[in-house]
Amino acid sequence: MLVMVCAAPPLCGAFFRFGIPALEPLFVRWFGFGLESYYLLLDLLLSGITPYMLCFVSAMVILDETDSHMSAYLCVTPIGKNGYLVSRLAFPAAVSGLVSFCVLAVFRLSVDSIFIMASLSLQSAVLGMLAAMLIVSLSSNKVEGMAISKLSGLILFGMVIPFVFKGVGKYVFGLMPSFWIAQWAITPGFFAILLFSGTSVLWFFVLWRRFSLKLT
């Protein structure tokens, strides 16, 4: 299953790149509208899916080590809790950001700027790490982790909001870091990056405290 999870990003990318444009005439014929105006949203989801899938693998590894009490032993070694977190979450998230950039570069639908692709990949890597932390902090074992991983996918839901809601009501979802990724992609600016960073730090702090309690 974990092998298939790692293979999912290029498979999703291939469907987005070749399947969606092929279905475009059918959507216009059957529903009276096309998906071309949502190509940017599909690129955002593609950039977010890759780190989410790869960091999910890291979360399952952590839960496996927690079940076997290996994580507690590793945390009392010189690497400590912070080093353990870096090795199991931060490093995989960094690798997933690079993979996300490659997948986005090959299978993108609308994004042409290398800078935007790199920025989206970096932000999505942070989002993937937060999703993994959500899984490990709320799960007691691998079975619960599998269930919560399905709910943690909602962390990507914020990307949809700016494309659906245009009024000030959309900012109700402002605590979701993914909301600010989409907002930045639509109207690039420092303000959206700042709020993405702030909400990500907030989520990280809350989840890290809960995760630390499990390692004691």
N, C-alpha and C. Protein backbone atom coordinates (compact mmCIF):
# COMPACT_ATOMS: atom_id res chain seq x y z
N MET A 1 0.82 -1.20 0.00
CA MET A 1 0.00 0.00 0.00
C MET A 1 0.86 1.26 0.00
N LEU A 2 1.93 1.23 0.79
CA LEU A 2 2.80 2.40 0.85
C LEU A 2 3.52 2.62 -0.48
N VAL A 3 3.83 1.54 -1.18
CA VAL A 3 4.43 1.67 -2.52
C VAL A 3 3.46 2.36 -3.46
N MET A 4 2.18 1.98 -3.39
CA MET A 4 1.17 2.60 -4.25
C MET A 4 0.96 4.06 -3.89
N VAL A 5 1.07 4.39 -2.60
CA VAL A 5 0.95 5.78 -2.17
C VAL A 5 2.05 6.62 -2.81
N CYS A 6 3.26 6.08 -2.84
CA CYS A 6 4.37 6.81 -3.46
C CYS A 6 4.19 6.94 -4.97
N ALA A 7 3.49 5.99 -5.57
CA ALA A 7 3.26 6.05 -7.02
C ALA A 7 2.07 6.92 -7.38
N ALA A 8 1.26 7.29 -6.38
CA ALA A 8 0.04 8.05 -6.65
C ALA A 8 0.28 9.43 -7.26
N PRO A 9 1.29 10.21 -6.82
CA PRO A 9 1.47 11.56 -7.39
C PRO A 9 1.64 11.58 -8.91
N PRO A 10 2.56 10.77 -9.49
CA PRO A 10 2.65 10.81 -10.96
C PRO A 10 1.40 10.29 -11.65
N LEU A 11 0.70 9.33 -11.04
CA LEU A 11 -0.54 8.83 -11.63
C LEU A 11 -1.61 9.92 -11.63
N CYS A 12 -1.72 10.63 -10.51
CA CYS A 12 -2.66 11.76 -10.45
C CYS A 12 -2.27 12.84 -11.44
N GLY A 13 -0.97 13.10 -11.54
CA GLY A 13 -0.49 14.12 -12.47
C GLY A 13 -0.82 13.76 -13.91
N ALA A 14 -0.66 12.49 -14.26
CA ALA A 14 -0.98 12.06 -15.62
C ALA A 14 -2.47 12.21 -15.92
N PHE A 15 -3.30 11.91 -14.92
CA PHE A 15 -4.75 12.08 -15.12
C PHE A 15 -5.11 13.55 -15.28
N PHE A 16 -4.53 14.41 -14.43
CA PHE A 16 -4.81 15.84 -14.53
C PHE A 16 -4.35 16.39 -15.87
N ARG A 17 -3.16 15.98 -16.32
CA ARG A 17 -2.57 16.58 -17.51
C ARG A 17 -3.24 16.10 -18.79
N PHE A 18 -3.61 14.82 -18.84
CA PHE A 18 -4.15 14.27 -20.08
C PHE A 18 -5.64 13.94 -19.99
N GLY A 19 -6.09 13.54 -18.80
CA GLY A 19 -7.49 13.15 -18.66
C GLY A 19 -8.44 14.34 -18.62
N ILE A 20 -8.09 15.35 -17.83
CA ILE A 20 -8.97 16.51 -17.69
C ILE A 20 -9.20 17.24 -19.02
N PRO A 21 -8.14 17.58 -19.78
CA PRO A 21 -8.39 18.23 -21.08
C PRO A 21 -9.21 17.36 -22.03
N ALA A 22 -9.03 16.04 -21.96
CA ALA A 22 -9.80 15.15 -22.83
C ALA A 22 -11.28 15.15 -22.45
N LEU A 23 -11.56 15.34 -21.14
CA LEU A 23 -12.95 15.37 -20.68
C LEU A 23 -13.61 16.74 -20.85
N GLU A 24 -12.83 17.75 -21.17
CA GLU A 24 -13.34 19.11 -21.29
C GLU A 24 -14.54 19.21 -22.24
N PRO A 25 -14.48 18.66 -23.46
CA PRO A 25 -15.65 18.76 -24.35
C PRO A 25 -16.90 18.09 -23.79
N LEU A 26 -16.71 16.99 -23.05
CA LEU A 26 -17.85 16.30 -22.47
C LEU A 26 -18.51 17.13 -21.39
N PHE A 27 -17.71 17.82 -20.57
CA PHE A 27 -18.28 18.69 -19.53
C PHE A 27 -19.07 19.83 -20.16
N VAL A 28 -18.53 20.40 -21.23
CA VAL A 28 -19.24 21.49 -21.92
C VAL A 28 -20.54 20.99 -22.51
N ARG A 29 -20.53 19.80 -23.07
CA ARG A 29 -21.73 19.26 -23.72
C ARG A 29 -22.79 18.84 -22.70
N TRP A 30 -22.35 18.20 -21.61
CA TRP A 30 -23.31 17.67 -20.66
C TRP A 30 -23.76 18.68 -19.61
N PHE A 31 -22.82 19.51 -19.14
CA PHE A 31 -23.13 20.41 -18.03
C PHE A 31 -23.16 21.89 -18.41
N GLY A 32 -22.73 22.21 -19.62
CA GLY A 32 -22.78 23.59 -20.08
C GLY A 32 -21.64 24.46 -19.60
N PHE A 33 -20.62 23.87 -19.00
CA PHE A 33 -19.45 24.64 -18.58
C PHE A 33 -18.22 23.74 -18.66
N GLY A 34 -17.07 24.39 -18.80
CA GLY A 34 -15.81 23.66 -18.87
C GLY A 34 -15.00 23.80 -17.60
N LEU A 35 -13.89 23.10 -17.55
CA LEU A 35 -13.03 23.12 -16.37
C LEU A 35 -11.81 24.00 -16.57
N GLU A 36 -11.71 24.66 -17.72
CA GLU A 36 -10.50 25.42 -18.00
C GLU A 36 -10.26 26.53 -16.98
N SER A 37 -11.34 27.13 -16.48
CA SER A 37 -11.19 28.20 -15.50
C SER A 37 -10.70 27.69 -14.15
N TYR A 38 -10.71 26.36 -13.97
CA TYR A 38 -10.27 25.76 -12.71
C TYR A 38 -8.93 25.04 -12.87
N TYR A 39 -8.25 25.26 -13.97
CA TYR A 39 -6.96 24.60 -14.16
C TYR A 39 -5.95 25.00 -13.08
N LEU A 40 -5.99 26.26 -12.65
CA LEU A 40 -5.08 26.69 -11.59
C LEU A 40 -5.37 25.93 -10.30
N LEU A 41 -6.64 25.73 -9.99
CA LEU A 41 -7.02 24.96 -8.80
C LEU A 41 -6.50 23.53 -8.91
N LEU A 42 -6.61 22.94 -10.09
CA LEU A 42 -6.11 21.58 -10.28
C LEU A 42 -4.60 21.52 -10.10
N ASP A 43 -3.89 22.55 -10.55
CA ASP A 43 -2.44 22.61 -10.32
C ASP A 43 -2.13 22.71 -8.83
N LEU A 44 -2.93 23.49 -8.11
CA LEU A 44 -2.73 23.61 -6.66
C LEU A 44 -2.96 22.27 -5.97
N LEU A 45 -4.03 21.59 -6.36
CA LEU A 45 -4.30 20.29 -5.75
C LEU A 45 -3.20 19.29 -6.09
N LEU A 46 -2.68 19.35 -7.31
CA LEU A 46 -1.59 18.45 -7.69
C LEU A 46 -0.34 18.72 -6.86
N SER A 47 -0.03 20.00 -6.65
CA SER A 47 1.14 20.34 -5.84
C SER A 47 0.95 19.92 -4.38
N GLY A 48 -0.31 19.91 -3.91
CA GLY A 48 -0.57 19.53 -2.52
C GLY A 48 -0.67 18.04 -2.31
N ILE A 49 -1.14 17.31 -3.32
CA ILE A 49 -1.32 15.86 -3.19
C ILE A 49 0.02 15.15 -3.00
N THR A 50 1.05 15.62 -3.72
CA THR A 50 2.34 14.93 -3.67
C THR A 50 2.94 14.93 -2.26
N PRO A 51 3.11 16.09 -1.61
CA PRO A 51 3.63 16.05 -0.24
C PRO A 51 2.70 15.34 0.73
N TYR A 52 1.40 15.47 0.50
CA TYR A 52 0.46 14.80 1.40
C TYR A 52 0.66 13.28 1.35
N MET A 53 0.79 12.72 0.16
CA MET A 53 0.96 11.28 0.02
C MET A 53 2.28 10.82 0.63
N LEU A 54 3.37 11.53 0.32
CA LEU A 54 4.68 11.10 0.81
C LEU A 54 4.81 11.29 2.32
N CYS A 55 4.25 12.37 2.84
CA CYS A 55 4.30 12.59 4.29
C CYS A 55 3.37 11.62 5.03
N PHE A 56 2.34 11.14 4.33
CA PHE A 56 1.50 10.10 4.93
C PHE A 56 2.33 8.85 5.22
N VAL A 57 3.23 8.52 4.31
CA VAL A 57 4.12 7.38 4.53
C VAL A 57 4.96 7.60 5.79
N SER A 58 5.48 8.82 5.96
CA SER A 58 6.27 9.13 7.15
C SER A 58 5.43 9.01 8.41
N ALA A 59 4.17 9.45 8.33
CA ALA A 59 3.29 9.35 9.50
C ALA A 59 3.06 7.89 9.88
N MET A 60 2.91 7.02 8.89
CA MET A 60 2.71 5.60 9.18
C MET A 60 3.96 4.98 9.81
N VAL A 61 5.13 5.44 9.37
CA VAL A 61 6.38 4.96 9.96
C VAL A 61 6.46 5.38 11.43
N ILE A 62 6.10 6.62 11.71
CA ILE A 62 6.12 7.11 13.09
C ILE A 62 5.16 6.31 13.96
N LEU A 63 3.96 6.06 13.46
CA LEU A 63 2.98 5.30 14.24
C LEU A 63 3.46 3.87 14.47
N ASP A 64 4.14 3.29 13.49
CA ASP A 64 4.69 1.95 13.65
C ASP A 64 5.77 1.96 14.74
N GLU A 65 6.61 2.98 14.73
CA GLU A 65 7.65 3.09 15.76
C GLU A 65 7.06 3.40 17.12
N THR A 66 5.93 4.12 17.14
CA THR A 66 5.26 4.39 18.41
C THR A 66 4.65 3.13 18.97
N ASP A 67 4.04 2.31 18.10
CA ASP A 67 3.46 1.05 18.56
C ASP A 67 4.51 0.12 19.16
N SER A 68 5.70 0.14 18.59
CA SER A 68 6.77 -0.73 19.07
C SER A 68 7.63 -0.05 20.13
N HIS A 69 7.25 1.17 20.54
CA HIS A 69 7.97 1.97 21.55
C HIS A 69 9.38 2.36 21.09
N MET A 70 9.64 2.22 19.82
CA MET A 70 10.95 2.60 19.30
C MET A 70 11.14 4.11 19.33
N SER A 71 10.06 4.87 19.10
CA SER A 71 10.18 6.33 19.07
C SER A 71 10.61 6.88 20.42
N ALA A 72 10.10 6.29 21.52
CA ALA A 72 10.49 6.75 22.85
C ALA A 72 11.98 6.52 23.10
N TYR A 73 12.50 5.39 22.62
CA TYR A 73 13.93 5.10 22.78
C TYR A 73 14.78 6.06 21.95
N LEU A 74 14.32 6.35 20.73
CA LEU A 74 15.08 7.26 19.87
C LEU A 74 15.12 8.67 20.43
N CYS A 75 14.05 9.06 21.11
CA CYS A 75 13.98 10.44 21.62
C CYS A 75 14.91 10.67 22.81
N VAL A 76 15.37 9.62 23.47
CA VAL A 76 16.29 9.80 24.60
C VAL A 76 17.74 9.67 24.15
N THR A 77 17.95 9.42 22.87
CA THR A 77 19.30 9.42 22.32
C THR A 77 19.73 10.86 22.09
N PRO A 78 20.98 11.11 21.72
CA PRO A 78 21.44 12.49 21.52
C PRO A 78 20.63 13.29 20.50
N ILE A 79 19.93 12.65 19.57
CA ILE A 79 19.15 13.43 18.60
C ILE A 79 17.96 14.11 19.25
N GLY A 80 17.42 13.54 20.33
CA GLY A 80 16.31 14.15 21.06
C GLY A 80 15.02 14.16 20.26
N LYS A 81 14.00 14.80 20.85
CA LYS A 81 12.69 14.87 20.19
C LYS A 81 12.74 15.70 18.92
N ASN A 82 13.46 16.82 19.00
CA ASN A 82 13.53 17.69 17.83
C ASN A 82 14.23 17.00 16.66
N GLY A 83 15.32 16.31 16.96
CA GLY A 83 16.03 15.58 15.91
C GLY A 83 15.18 14.46 15.34
N TYR A 84 14.42 13.80 16.19
CA TYR A 84 13.52 12.75 15.72
C TYR A 84 12.47 13.31 14.78
N LEU A 85 11.92 14.47 15.14
CA LEU A 85 10.91 15.10 14.31
C LEU A 85 11.49 15.51 12.96
N VAL A 86 12.71 16.03 12.98
CA VAL A 86 13.35 16.44 11.73
C VAL A 86 13.58 15.24 10.82
N SER A 87 14.07 14.14 11.40
CA SER A 87 14.39 12.97 10.59
C SER A 87 13.15 12.28 10.04
N ARG A 88 12.04 12.34 10.78
CA ARG A 88 10.84 11.62 10.37
C ARG A 88 9.82 12.48 9.64
N LEU A 89 9.88 13.81 9.81
CA LEU A 89 8.88 14.67 9.18
C LEU A 89 9.49 15.77 8.31
N ALA A 90 10.43 16.53 8.87
CA ALA A 90 10.97 17.67 8.13
C ALA A 90 11.76 17.21 6.90
N PHE A 91 12.60 16.19 7.05
CA PHE A 91 13.37 15.71 5.91
C PHE A 91 12.49 15.11 4.83
N PRO A 92 11.53 14.22 5.17
CA PRO A 92 10.62 13.73 4.12
C PRO A 92 9.80 14.85 3.47
N ALA A 93 9.43 15.85 4.27
CA ALA A 93 8.67 16.98 3.69
C ALA A 93 9.52 17.74 2.69
N ALA A 94 10.81 17.91 2.99
CA ALA A 94 11.71 18.60 2.06
C ALA A 94 11.85 17.81 0.77
N VAL A 95 12.00 16.49 0.89
CA VAL A 95 12.09 15.65 -0.30
C VAL A 95 10.79 15.71 -1.10
N SER A 96 9.66 15.70 -0.40
CA SER A 96 8.36 15.74 -1.08
C SER A 96 8.17 17.07 -1.81
N GLY A 97 8.76 18.16 -1.27
CA GLY A 97 8.68 19.44 -1.96
C GLY A 97 9.40 19.38 -3.30
N LEU A 98 10.55 18.72 -3.33
CA LEU A 98 11.29 18.57 -4.58
C LEU A 98 10.52 17.70 -5.57
N VAL A 99 9.94 16.61 -5.07
CA VAL A 99 9.13 15.73 -5.93
C VAL A 99 7.91 16.48 -6.45
N SER A 100 7.30 17.29 -5.58
CA SER A 100 6.14 18.08 -5.99
C SER A 100 6.49 19.03 -7.12
N PHE A 101 7.66 19.65 -7.03
CA PHE A 101 8.10 20.56 -8.09
C PHE A 101 8.26 19.80 -9.41
N CYS A 102 8.85 18.62 -9.36
CA CYS A 102 9.06 17.82 -10.57
C CYS A 102 7.72 17.39 -11.18
N VAL A 103 6.81 16.93 -10.32
CA VAL A 103 5.49 16.50 -10.81
C VAL A 103 4.75 17.67 -11.41
N LEU A 104 4.80 18.82 -10.74
CA LEU A 104 4.11 20.01 -11.24
C LEU A 104 4.72 20.50 -12.54
N ALA A 105 6.04 20.41 -12.65
CA ALA A 105 6.70 20.86 -13.88
C ALA A 105 6.32 20.00 -15.07
N VAL A 106 6.09 18.72 -14.83
CA VAL A 106 5.77 17.81 -15.93
C VAL A 106 4.29 17.82 -16.28
N PHE A 107 3.43 17.87 -15.26
CA PHE A 107 2.00 17.66 -15.48
C PHE A 107 1.14 18.91 -15.26
N ARG A 108 1.71 20.06 -15.12
CA ARG A 108 0.94 21.28 -14.86
C ARG A 108 -0.02 21.57 -16.01
N LEU A 109 -1.10 22.29 -15.67
CA LEU A 109 -2.08 22.69 -16.67
C LEU A 109 -2.04 24.17 -16.99
N SER A 110 -1.71 25.01 -15.99
CA SER A 110 -1.78 26.46 -16.23
C SER A 110 -0.56 27.22 -15.71
N VAL A 111 0.12 26.71 -14.71
CA VAL A 111 1.24 27.45 -14.11
C VAL A 111 2.47 27.31 -15.01
N ASP A 112 3.03 28.44 -15.42
CA ASP A 112 4.19 28.44 -16.31
C ASP A 112 5.46 28.97 -15.64
N SER A 113 5.30 29.76 -14.58
CA SER A 113 6.45 30.37 -13.93
C SER A 113 7.17 29.37 -13.03
N ILE A 114 8.48 29.28 -13.19
CA ILE A 114 9.28 28.39 -12.33
C ILE A 114 9.23 28.88 -10.88
N PHE A 115 9.23 30.20 -10.70
CA PHE A 115 9.16 30.75 -9.35
C PHE A 115 7.86 30.35 -8.65
N ILE A 116 6.74 30.44 -9.37
CA ILE A 116 5.45 30.07 -8.77
C ILE A 116 5.42 28.58 -8.47
N MET A 117 5.94 27.76 -9.38
CA MET A 117 5.96 26.31 -9.13
C MET A 117 6.82 25.98 -7.92
N ALA A 118 7.97 26.65 -7.79
CA ALA A 118 8.84 26.40 -6.64
C ALA A 118 8.17 26.86 -5.35
N SER A 119 7.49 28.01 -5.40
CA SER A 119 6.81 28.52 -4.20
C SER A 119 5.66 27.61 -3.79
N LEU A 120 4.88 27.16 -4.77
CA LEU A 120 3.78 26.24 -4.47
C LEU A 120 4.30 24.93 -3.88
N SER A 121 5.40 24.43 -4.43
CA SER A 121 5.97 23.18 -3.93
C SER A 121 6.46 23.33 -2.50
N LEU A 122 7.09 24.46 -2.20
CA LEU A 122 7.58 24.70 -0.84
C LEU A 122 6.43 24.82 0.15
N GLN A 123 5.41 25.59 -0.21
CA GLN A 123 4.26 25.73 0.68
C GLN A 123 3.51 24.42 0.85
N SER A 124 3.40 23.65 -0.22
CA SER A 124 2.72 22.36 -0.13
C SER A 124 3.51 21.37 0.71
N ALA A 125 4.84 21.48 0.71
CA ALA A 125 5.66 20.61 1.56
C ALA A 125 5.37 20.89 3.03
N VAL A 126 5.23 22.16 3.37
CA VAL A 126 4.86 22.52 4.75
C VAL A 126 3.49 21.96 5.08
N LEU A 127 2.57 22.06 4.13
CA LEU A 127 1.22 21.54 4.33
C LEU A 127 1.23 20.03 4.52
N GLY A 128 2.06 19.33 3.76
CA GLY A 128 2.17 17.88 3.92
C GLY A 128 2.71 17.49 5.29
N MET A 129 3.69 18.26 5.78
CA MET A 129 4.23 17.98 7.10
C MET A 129 3.17 18.20 8.18
N LEU A 130 2.35 19.25 8.03
CA LEU A 130 1.29 19.50 8.99
C LEU A 130 0.25 18.38 8.96
N ALA A 131 -0.06 17.87 7.77
CA ALA A 131 -1.00 16.76 7.67
C ALA A 131 -0.45 15.52 8.37
N ALA A 132 0.85 15.25 8.20
CA ALA A 132 1.47 14.10 8.87
C ALA A 132 1.44 14.28 10.38
N MET A 133 1.72 15.49 10.84
CA MET A 133 1.68 15.76 12.28
C MET A 133 0.26 15.61 12.83
N LEU A 134 -0.73 15.99 12.02
CA LEU A 134 -2.12 15.82 12.43
C LEU A 134 -2.44 14.34 12.63
N ILE A 135 -1.94 13.51 11.73
CA ILE A 135 -2.19 12.07 11.83
C ILE A 135 -1.53 11.48 13.07
N VAL A 136 -0.26 11.78 13.27
CA VAL A 136 0.47 11.14 14.38
C VAL A 136 0.05 11.70 15.73
N SER A 137 -0.39 12.95 15.78
CA SER A 137 -0.76 13.54 17.07
C SER A 137 -2.15 13.11 17.53
N LEU A 138 -3.02 12.73 16.60
CA LEU A 138 -4.39 12.34 16.95
C LEU A 138 -4.59 10.83 16.95
N SER A 139 -3.59 10.07 16.50
CA SER A 139 -3.73 8.61 16.40
C SER A 139 -2.95 7.91 17.50
N SER A 140 -3.52 6.83 17.99
CA SER A 140 -2.83 6.02 18.99
C SER A 140 -2.14 4.82 18.37
N ASN A 141 -2.55 4.43 17.18
CA ASN A 141 -1.96 3.28 16.50
C ASN A 141 -2.16 3.42 15.00
N LYS A 142 -1.67 2.44 14.26
CA LYS A 142 -1.73 2.52 12.79
C LYS A 142 -3.15 2.44 12.27
N VAL A 143 -4.02 1.69 12.97
CA VAL A 143 -5.41 1.57 12.53
C VAL A 143 -6.10 2.93 12.61
N GLU A 144 -5.93 3.60 13.76
CA GLU A 144 -6.50 4.93 13.89
C GLU A 144 -5.85 5.89 12.89
N GLY A 145 -4.56 5.69 12.64
CA GLY A 145 -3.86 6.56 11.70
C GLY A 145 -4.45 6.46 10.31
N MET A 146 -4.84 5.26 9.88
CA MET A 146 -5.46 5.08 8.58
C MET A 146 -6.78 5.82 8.51
N ALA A 147 -7.55 5.78 9.59
CA ALA A 147 -8.85 6.47 9.60
C ALA A 147 -8.68 7.98 9.60
N ILE A 148 -7.76 8.46 10.45
CA ILE A 148 -7.57 9.90 10.56
C ILE A 148 -6.91 10.47 9.31
N SER A 149 -6.12 9.65 8.61
CA SER A 149 -5.49 10.13 7.39
C SER A 149 -6.53 10.53 6.35
N LYS A 150 -7.67 9.87 6.35
CA LYS A 150 -8.74 10.23 5.42
C LYS A 150 -9.32 11.59 5.77
N LEU A 151 -9.44 11.86 7.08
CA LEU A 151 -9.95 13.16 7.51
C LEU A 151 -8.90 14.26 7.33
N SER A 152 -7.63 13.90 7.49
CA SER A 152 -6.58 14.91 7.37
C SER A 152 -6.47 15.45 5.96
N GLY A 153 -7.02 14.69 4.99
CA GLY A 153 -7.04 15.19 3.62
C GLY A 153 -7.83 16.47 3.48
N LEU A 154 -8.70 16.75 4.47
CA LEU A 154 -9.47 18.00 4.45
C LEU A 154 -8.57 19.22 4.60
N ILE A 155 -7.31 18.99 4.99
CA ILE A 155 -6.40 20.12 5.13
C ILE A 155 -6.15 20.78 3.77
N LEU A 156 -6.41 20.05 2.69
CA LEU A 156 -6.28 20.60 1.34
C LEU A 156 -7.54 21.34 0.91
N PHE A 157 -8.62 21.21 1.68
CA PHE A 157 -9.90 21.78 1.29
C PHE A 157 -9.84 23.30 1.16
N GLY A 158 -8.97 23.92 1.95
CA GLY A 158 -8.88 25.38 1.91
C GLY A 158 -8.50 25.92 0.54
N MET A 159 -7.84 25.09 -0.29
CA MET A 159 -7.47 25.55 -1.62
C MET A 159 -8.68 25.83 -2.50
N VAL A 160 -9.78 25.17 -2.21
CA VAL A 160 -10.98 25.31 -3.04
C VAL A 160 -11.72 26.61 -2.74
N ILE A 161 -11.64 27.08 -1.49
CA ILE A 161 -12.48 28.18 -1.03
C ILE A 161 -12.34 29.45 -1.88
N PRO A 162 -11.14 29.97 -2.15
CA PRO A 162 -11.05 31.22 -2.92
C PRO A 162 -11.60 31.11 -4.34
N PHE A 163 -11.71 29.89 -4.86
CA PHE A 163 -12.26 29.70 -6.20
C PHE A 163 -13.78 29.62 -6.19
N VAL A 164 -14.35 29.36 -5.02
CA VAL A 164 -15.80 29.19 -4.91
C VAL A 164 -16.47 30.42 -4.30
N PHE A 165 -15.87 30.98 -3.26
CA PHE A 165 -16.42 32.15 -2.58
C PHE A 165 -15.59 33.38 -2.93
N LYS A 166 -16.27 34.44 -3.32
CA LYS A 166 -15.58 35.65 -3.72
C LYS A 166 -15.72 36.78 -2.69
N GLY A 167 -16.67 36.67 -1.79
CA GLY A 167 -16.89 37.73 -0.81
C GLY A 167 -15.99 37.60 0.40
N VAL A 168 -16.23 38.48 1.39
CA VAL A 168 -15.41 38.47 2.61
C VAL A 168 -15.68 37.24 3.46
N GLY A 169 -16.80 36.54 3.18
CA GLY A 169 -17.13 35.34 3.95
C GLY A 169 -16.10 34.24 3.80
N LYS A 170 -15.32 34.28 2.72
CA LYS A 170 -14.31 33.23 2.51
C LYS A 170 -13.23 33.26 3.58
N TYR A 171 -13.03 34.42 4.23
CA TYR A 171 -11.96 34.53 5.22
C TYR A 171 -12.30 33.80 6.52
N VAL A 172 -13.52 33.25 6.60
CA VAL A 172 -13.85 32.38 7.74
C VAL A 172 -12.90 31.19 7.78
N PHE A 173 -12.40 30.79 6.60
CA PHE A 173 -11.50 29.65 6.49
C PHE A 173 -10.04 30.09 6.57
N GLY A 174 -9.80 31.29 7.06
CA GLY A 174 -8.45 31.84 7.09
C GLY A 174 -7.48 31.13 8.01
N LEU A 175 -7.99 30.29 8.92
CA LEU A 175 -7.08 29.53 9.79
C LEU A 175 -6.49 28.31 9.10
N MET A 176 -6.97 28.03 7.91
CA MET A 176 -6.43 26.90 7.14
C MET A 176 -5.27 27.39 6.28
N PRO A 177 -4.06 26.87 6.50
CA PRO A 177 -2.92 27.33 5.68
C PRO A 177 -3.14 27.16 4.19
N SER A 178 -3.85 26.09 3.80
CA SER A 178 -4.08 25.84 2.38
C SER A 178 -4.91 26.95 1.73
N PHE A 179 -5.74 27.62 2.52
CA PHE A 179 -6.53 28.74 2.00
C PHE A 179 -5.62 29.83 1.47
N TRP A 180 -4.55 30.12 2.22
CA TRP A 180 -3.65 31.20 1.83
C TRP A 180 -2.74 30.80 0.68
N ILE A 181 -2.52 29.49 0.49
CA ILE A 181 -1.79 29.06 -0.69
C ILE A 181 -2.57 29.41 -1.95
N ALA A 182 -3.88 29.09 -1.93
CA ALA A 182 -4.72 29.40 -3.08
C ALA A 182 -4.88 30.90 -3.27
N GLN A 183 -5.02 31.61 -2.15
CA GLN A 183 -5.18 33.06 -2.24
C GLN A 183 -3.92 33.70 -2.84
N TRP A 184 -2.76 33.18 -2.47
CA TRP A 184 -1.51 33.69 -3.03
C TRP A 184 -1.39 33.35 -4.51
N ALA A 185 -1.84 32.15 -4.89
CA ALA A 185 -1.76 31.75 -6.30
C ALA A 185 -2.65 32.62 -7.18
N ILE A 186 -3.79 33.05 -6.64
CA ILE A 186 -4.71 33.89 -7.41
C ILE A 186 -4.21 35.32 -7.48
N THR A 187 -3.81 35.87 -6.34
CA THR A 187 -3.30 37.25 -6.26
C THR A 187 -2.00 37.23 -5.47
N PRO A 188 -0.87 36.95 -6.12
CA PRO A 188 0.41 36.88 -5.40
C PRO A 188 0.71 38.15 -4.64
N GLY A 189 1.18 37.98 -3.41
CA GLY A 189 1.52 39.12 -2.58
C GLY A 189 2.13 38.67 -1.26
N PHE A 190 2.81 39.58 -0.61
CA PHE A 190 3.49 39.26 0.64
C PHE A 190 2.51 38.97 1.76
N PHE A 191 1.33 39.61 1.71
CA PHE A 191 0.35 39.45 2.79
C PHE A 191 -0.11 38.00 2.91
N ALA A 192 -0.40 37.36 1.76
CA ALA A 192 -0.85 35.97 1.79
C ALA A 192 0.25 35.05 2.29
N ILE A 193 1.48 35.31 1.87
CA ILE A 193 2.61 34.50 2.35
C ILE A 193 2.77 34.64 3.86
N LEU A 194 2.62 35.86 4.36
CA LEU A 194 2.76 36.11 5.79
C LEU A 194 1.69 35.35 6.58
N LEU A 195 0.45 35.39 6.09
CA LEU A 195 -0.62 34.71 6.80
C LEU A 195 -0.49 33.19 6.68
N PHE A 196 0.00 32.72 5.55
CA PHE A 196 0.27 31.28 5.42
C PHE A 196 1.32 30.86 6.44
N SER A 197 2.37 31.64 6.58
CA SER A 197 3.42 31.32 7.54
C SER A 197 2.89 31.35 8.96
N GLY A 198 2.07 32.37 9.28
CA GLY A 198 1.53 32.49 10.63
C GLY A 198 0.61 31.34 11.00
N THR A 199 -0.30 30.98 10.10
CA THR A 199 -1.22 29.87 10.39
C THR A 199 -0.47 28.54 10.44
N SER A 200 0.55 28.39 9.63
CA SER A 200 1.33 27.14 9.65
C SER A 200 2.08 26.99 10.97
N VAL A 201 2.67 28.08 11.45
CA VAL A 201 3.37 28.05 12.74
C VAL A 201 2.39 27.73 13.86
N LEU A 202 1.19 28.30 13.79
CA LEU A 202 0.18 28.03 14.81
C LEU A 202 -0.20 26.56 14.82
N TRP A 203 -0.48 26.00 13.65
CA TRP A 203 -0.81 24.57 13.57
C TRP A 203 0.36 23.73 14.06
N PHE A 204 1.57 24.08 13.66
CA PHE A 204 2.75 23.31 14.05
C PHE A 204 2.92 23.31 15.57
N PHE A 205 2.75 24.47 16.19
CA PHE A 205 2.93 24.59 17.64
C PHE A 205 1.92 23.72 18.38
N VAL A 206 0.65 23.78 17.97
CA VAL A 206 -0.40 23.00 18.64
C VAL A 206 -0.16 21.50 18.45
N LEU A 207 0.13 21.09 17.23
CA LEU A 207 0.31 19.67 16.95
C LEU A 207 1.60 19.13 17.57
N TRP A 208 2.65 19.96 17.60
CA TRP A 208 3.92 19.51 18.18
C TRP A 208 3.79 19.29 19.68
N ARG A 209 3.04 20.16 20.36
CA ARG A 209 2.83 19.98 21.80
C ARG A 209 2.08 18.69 22.08
N ARG A 210 1.07 18.40 21.28
CA ARG A 210 0.31 17.17 21.48
C ARG A 210 1.17 15.95 21.15
N PHE A 211 1.97 16.05 20.11
CA PHE A 211 2.83 14.94 19.74
C PHE A 211 3.92 14.71 20.79
N SER A 212 4.42 15.76 21.38
CA SER A 212 5.45 15.64 22.41
C SER A 212 4.93 14.89 23.61
N LEU A 213 3.67 15.10 23.96
CA LEU A 213 3.08 14.40 25.10
C LEU A 213 3.02 12.89 24.87
N LYS A 214 2.89 12.48 23.62
CA LYS A 214 2.84 11.06 23.31
C LYS A 214 4.20 10.40 23.44
N LEU A 215 5.27 11.21 23.34
CA LEU A 215 6.61 10.65 23.39
C LEU A 215 7.18 10.61 24.79
N THR A 216 6.46 11.17 25.76
CA THR A 216 6.95 11.19 27.12
C THR A 216 6.60 9.90 27.84
